C-alpha atoms as a PDB file:
ATOM      1  CA  UNK A   1      -2.786 -18.195 -19.228  1.00  0.00           C
ATOM      2  CA  UNK A   2      -3.698 -14.714 -20.528  1.00  0.00           C
ATOM      3  CA  UNK A   3      -6.867 -12.792 -18.901  1.00  0.00           C
ATOM      4  CA  UNK A   4      -9.154  -9.907 -20.218  1.00  0.00           C
ATOM      5  CA  UNK A   5      -8.019  -7.830 -17.284  1.00  0.00           C
ATOM      6  CA  UNK A   6     -11.190  -5.110 -19.383  1.00  0.00           C
ATOM      7  CA  UNK A   7     -14.125  -7.352 -18.106  1.00  0.00           C
ATOM      8  CA  UNK A   8     -13.182  -6.344 -14.213  1.00  0.00           C
ATOM      9  CA  UNK A   9     -12.450  -2.892 -15.469  1.00  0.00           C
ATOM     10  CA  UNK A  10     -15.357  -2.992 -16.840  1.00  0.00           C
ATOM     11  CA  UNK A  11     -17.676  -4.311 -13.533  1.00  0.00           C
ATOM     12  CA  UNK A  12     -15.993  -1.313 -11.785  1.00  0.00           C
ATOM     13  CA  UNK A  13     -17.129   1.538 -14.700  1.00  0.00           C
ATOM     14  CA  UNK A  14     -13.999   1.412 -16.530  1.00  0.00           C
ATOM     15  CA  UNK A  15     -12.630  -0.014 -19.662  1.00  0.00           C
ATOM     16  CA  UNK A  16     -10.080  -0.410 -22.114  1.00  0.00           C
ATOM     17  CA  UNK A  17      -8.959  -3.132 -24.354  1.00  0.00           C
ATOM     18  CA  UNK A  18      -7.003  -5.961 -23.515  1.00  0.00           C
ATOM     19  CA  UNK A  19      -3.392  -4.393 -22.783  1.00  0.00           C
ATOM     20  CA  UNK A  20      -4.768  -1.460 -21.157  1.00  0.00           C
ATOM     21  CA  UNK A  21      -7.612  -0.866 -18.901  1.00  0.00           C
ATOM     22  CA  UNK A  22      -8.363   0.839 -15.497  1.00  0.00           C
ATOM     23  CA  UNK A  23     -10.894   1.749 -13.844  1.00  0.00           C
ATOM     24  CA  UNK A  24     -11.255   4.438  -9.970  1.00  0.00           C
ATOM     25  CA  UNK A  25     -12.907   3.726  -6.625  1.00  0.00           C
ATOM     26  CA  UNK A  26     -14.403   6.045  -4.826  1.00  0.00           C
ATOM     27  CA  UNK A  27     -15.351   5.003  -1.378  1.00  0.00           C
ATOM     28  CA  UNK A  28     -13.243   1.989  -0.733  1.00  0.00           C
ATOM     29  CA  UNK A  29     -10.877   1.813   1.384  1.00  0.00           C
ATOM     30  CA  UNK A  30      -7.507  -0.181  -0.618  1.00  0.00           C
ATOM     31  CA  UNK A  31      -7.795  -2.955   1.890  1.00  0.00           C
ATOM     32  CA  UNK A  32     -11.595  -3.361   1.199  1.00  0.00           C
ATOM     33  CA  UNK A  33     -10.747  -3.105  -2.351  1.00  0.00           C
ATOM     34  CA  UNK A  34      -7.528  -5.744  -2.490  1.00  0.00           C
ATOM     35  CA  UNK A  35      -9.903  -8.021  -0.905  1.00  0.00           C
ATOM     36  CA  UNK A  36     -12.127  -7.877  -3.442  1.00  0.00           C
ATOM     37  CA  UNK A  37     -10.051  -8.060  -6.018  1.00  0.00           C
ATOM     38  CA  UNK A  38      -8.349 -11.080  -5.168  1.00  0.00           C
ATOM     39  CA  UNK A  39     -11.695 -12.718  -4.671  1.00  0.00           C
ATOM     40  CA  UNK A  40     -12.639 -11.639  -8.077  1.00  0.00           C
ATOM     41  CA  UNK A  41      -9.838 -12.955  -9.662  1.00  0.00           C
ATOM     42  CA  UNK A  42     -10.003 -16.013  -8.056  1.00  0.00           C
ATOM     43  CA  UNK A  43     -13.344 -16.997  -8.841  1.00  0.00           C
ATOM     44  CA  UNK A  44     -12.339 -16.384 -12.437  1.00  0.00           C
ATOM     45  CA  UNK A  45      -9.837 -18.024 -12.854  1.00  0.00           C
ATOM     46  CA  UNK A  46     -11.067 -21.098 -11.098  1.00  0.00           C
ATOM     47  CA  UNK A  47     -13.965 -21.177 -13.780  1.00  0.00           C
END
């Protein structure tokens, strides 16, 4: 299965392309970001 992570990067104000995407998150702990990303990825993968 392939997934375009650029969509997630764009959601967080970043960008890139299919093979290289990035974003910066401020004022959020790694723990909170990890929880949020896991939920987001699960919902996208289960579509």
